[in-house]
Amino acid sequence: MEESKFTRTRGAFSMVCGIEINIRALPENVWKLLTDAKNFPRWNSTVVAIEGQISEGEKLRVRVPGTDRTFTPKVSGVVPCEHMTWTGGFPPLFKGVRTFGLRPRGDGSTDFAMEECFSGLILPLVKRSLPDFKPIFERYAIDLKHEAERSG
């Protein structure tokens, strides 16, 4: 397994999952992959399809393996080659906020971090039905690392 670090914290009405990994590629190359909706499923095994443009203010339609559900997050907080946020759900009942961050290192590599915060009034009721995010997040990070280092 690649050197990734997964974290998970739980509260009564919140759960936060995160992954960090170092990628031997420049932030610009990693960012290009993260914002290319059309080609996302080509390299990312945790996504079947993304419709829409991954840019500030846009609403996406994201399909993932193993479910017929379509997630419709809104993209915000975009600072190219640094960070962005995808927010979805039905606040205050249930909300998911996924944050992507890139931090350049002096050796030309990039530290990638992805965190998702789930919150809401019904979270205690649905928590058990949520998938185990550890293998999903690890796969996402490793897929990104492999593609960025291969193409980069």
Protein backbone atom coordinates (compact mmCIF):
# COMPACT_ATOMS: atom_id res chain seq x y z
CA MET A 1 0.00 0.00 0.00
CA GLU A 2 1.19 3.52 -0.80
CA GLU A 3 2.12 5.91 2.00
CA SER A 4 -1.24 7.52 2.70
CA LYS A 5 -2.61 8.62 6.04
CA PHE A 6 -6.34 8.21 6.77
CA THR A 7 -8.09 9.91 9.68
CA ARG A 8 -11.64 9.69 11.01
CA THR A 9 -13.30 11.56 13.87
CA ARG A 10 -16.87 11.15 15.03
CA GLY A 11 -19.23 13.35 17.01
CA ALA A 12 -22.94 13.07 17.79
CA PHE A 13 -23.94 15.07 14.71
CA SER A 14 -20.74 14.98 12.68
CA MET A 15 -18.18 12.68 11.14
CA VAL A 16 -14.97 13.79 9.46
CA CYS A 17 -12.86 11.54 7.22
CA GLY A 18 -9.59 12.59 5.65
CA ILE A 19 -6.70 11.29 3.59
CA GLU A 20 -3.24 12.69 2.91
CA ILE A 21 -0.64 11.49 0.44
CA ASN A 22 2.50 12.88 -1.19
CA ILE A 23 2.50 12.92 -4.98
CA ARG A 24 5.70 13.24 -7.01
CA ALA A 25 4.20 15.82 -9.38
CA LEU A 26 3.73 19.57 -9.44
CA PRO A 27 0.50 21.04 -8.00
CA GLU A 28 -0.47 22.24 -11.51
CA ASN A 29 -0.45 18.66 -12.81
CA VAL A 30 -2.46 17.34 -9.86
CA TRP A 31 -4.95 20.23 -10.15
CA LYS A 32 -5.44 19.53 -13.85
CA LEU A 33 -6.56 15.97 -13.00
CA LEU A 34 -8.82 17.10 -10.15
CA THR A 35 -10.67 19.61 -12.34
CA ASP A 36 -11.07 17.60 -15.55
CA ALA A 37 -14.58 16.18 -15.06
CA LYS A 38 -14.75 14.39 -18.40
CA ASN A 39 -11.59 12.32 -17.83
CA PHE A 40 -12.06 11.75 -14.09
CA PRO A 41 -13.46 8.20 -14.44
CA ARG A 42 -10.54 7.22 -16.69
CA TRP A 43 -8.07 7.40 -13.80
CA ASN A 44 -10.27 7.42 -10.66
CA SER A 45 -11.84 4.04 -9.82
CA THR A 46 -14.08 5.64 -7.15
CA VAL A 47 -16.04 7.65 -9.75
CA VAL A 48 -18.20 6.31 -12.61
CA ALA A 49 -19.02 9.71 -14.15
CA ILE A 50 -19.00 13.45 -13.47
CA GLU A 51 -21.27 15.76 -15.42
CA GLY A 52 -20.65 19.50 -15.30
CA GLN A 53 -17.61 21.73 -15.04
CA ILE A 54 -15.42 21.52 -11.95
CA SER A 55 -15.17 25.28 -11.44
CA GLU A 56 -16.39 27.96 -9.02
CA GLY A 57 -20.16 28.03 -8.50
CA GLU A 58 -20.91 25.01 -10.70
CA LYS A 59 -23.21 22.16 -9.72
CA LEU A 60 -21.92 18.68 -10.54
CA ARG A 61 -23.64 15.33 -11.05
CA VAL A 62 -21.35 12.64 -9.65
CA ARG A 63 -21.99 8.91 -9.96
CA VAL A 64 -19.98 6.42 -7.91
CA PRO A 65 -19.67 2.62 -8.13
CA GLY A 66 -22.05 0.44 -6.15
CA THR A 67 -25.03 2.79 -6.02
CA ASP A 68 -27.61 4.22 -8.39
CA ARG A 69 -27.57 7.48 -6.46
CA THR A 70 -26.28 10.63 -8.11
CA PHE A 71 -24.55 13.16 -5.86
CA THR A 72 -25.01 16.81 -6.79
CA PRO A 73 -22.37 18.88 -4.99
CA LYS A 74 -21.75 22.57 -5.65
CA VAL A 75 -18.15 23.65 -6.24
CA SER A 76 -16.90 26.63 -4.23
CA GLY A 77 -13.81 28.15 -2.65
CA VAL A 78 -11.76 27.47 -5.76
CA VAL A 79 -8.18 28.71 -5.62
CA PRO A 80 -6.44 27.06 -8.61
CA CYS A 81 -3.62 24.69 -7.69
CA GLU A 82 -4.40 25.15 -3.97
CA HIS A 83 -7.89 24.12 -2.85
CA MET A 84 -11.60 23.76 -3.57
CA THR A 85 -14.73 22.52 -1.83
CA TRP A 86 -17.66 20.40 -2.99
CA THR A 87 -20.82 20.80 -0.86
CA GLY A 88 -23.93 18.65 -1.12
CA GLY A 89 -26.83 17.28 0.85
CA PHE A 90 -29.95 18.73 2.46
CA PRO A 91 -28.94 21.04 5.34
CA PRO A 92 -29.77 21.05 8.22
CA LEU A 93 -30.81 17.38 7.88
CA PHE A 94 -27.68 16.09 6.18
CA LYS A 95 -24.70 17.82 4.60
CA GLY A 96 -21.43 16.65 3.13
CA VAL A 97 -18.53 19.04 2.56
CA ARG A 98 -15.50 17.65 0.72
CA THR A 99 -12.39 19.81 0.69
CA PHE A 100 -9.41 19.19 -1.59
CA GLY A 101 -6.05 20.78 -0.79
CA LEU A 102 -2.68 20.87 -2.54
CA ARG A 103 0.53 22.02 -0.89
CA PRO A 104 3.75 22.22 -2.93
CA ARG A 105 6.99 20.94 -1.47
CA GLY A 106 10.47 22.24 -2.25
CA ASP A 107 11.40 18.97 -3.98
CA GLY A 108 8.76 19.48 -6.71
CA SER A 109 6.24 17.10 -5.15
CA THR A 110 2.77 17.94 -3.83
CA ASP A 111 1.04 17.02 -0.60
CA PHE A 112 -2.58 16.17 -1.43
CA ALA A 113 -5.25 16.25 1.26
CA MET A 114 -8.94 15.42 0.94
CA GLU A 115 -11.36 15.74 3.83
CA GLU A 116 -15.09 15.19 4.01
CA CYS A 117 -17.22 16.45 6.87
CA PHE A 118 -20.66 14.92 7.23
CA SER A 119 -23.09 16.69 9.53
CA GLY A 120 -26.77 17.13 10.20
CA LEU A 121 -29.70 16.23 12.36
CA ILE A 122 -30.25 12.80 10.78
CA LEU A 123 -26.57 11.79 10.81
CA PRO A 124 -26.99 9.67 13.98
CA LEU A 125 -29.74 7.72 12.20
CA VAL A 126 -27.89 7.16 8.90
CA LYS A 127 -24.33 6.80 10.21
CA ARG A 128 -24.50 2.99 10.18
CA SER A 129 -25.70 2.92 6.57
CA LEU A 130 -22.76 5.04 5.34
CA PRO A 131 -19.95 3.10 3.68
CA ASP A 132 -16.52 2.59 5.22
CA PHE A 133 -14.74 5.62 3.77
CA LYS A 134 -11.21 4.40 4.56
CA PRO A 135 -10.80 2.11 1.49
CA ILE A 136 -12.67 4.59 -0.73
CA PHE A 137 -10.48 7.54 0.29
CA GLU A 138 -7.29 5.47 0.07
CA ARG A 139 -8.22 4.28 -3.44
CA TYR A 140 -9.03 7.87 -4.50
CA ALA A 141 -5.67 9.19 -3.25
CA ILE A 142 -3.66 6.31 -4.72
CA ASP A 143 -5.44 6.57 -8.09
CA LEU A 144 -4.65 10.30 -8.16
CA LYS A 145 -1.03 9.70 -7.18
CA HIS A 146 -0.51 7.04 -9.85
CA GLU A 147 -2.08 9.12 -12.63
CA ALA A 148 -0.29 12.37 -11.67
CA GLU A 149 3.07 10.61 -11.46
CA ARG A 150 2.45 8.69 -14.70
CA SER A 151 1.32 11.71 -16.72
CA GLY A 152 3.33 14.28 -15.01
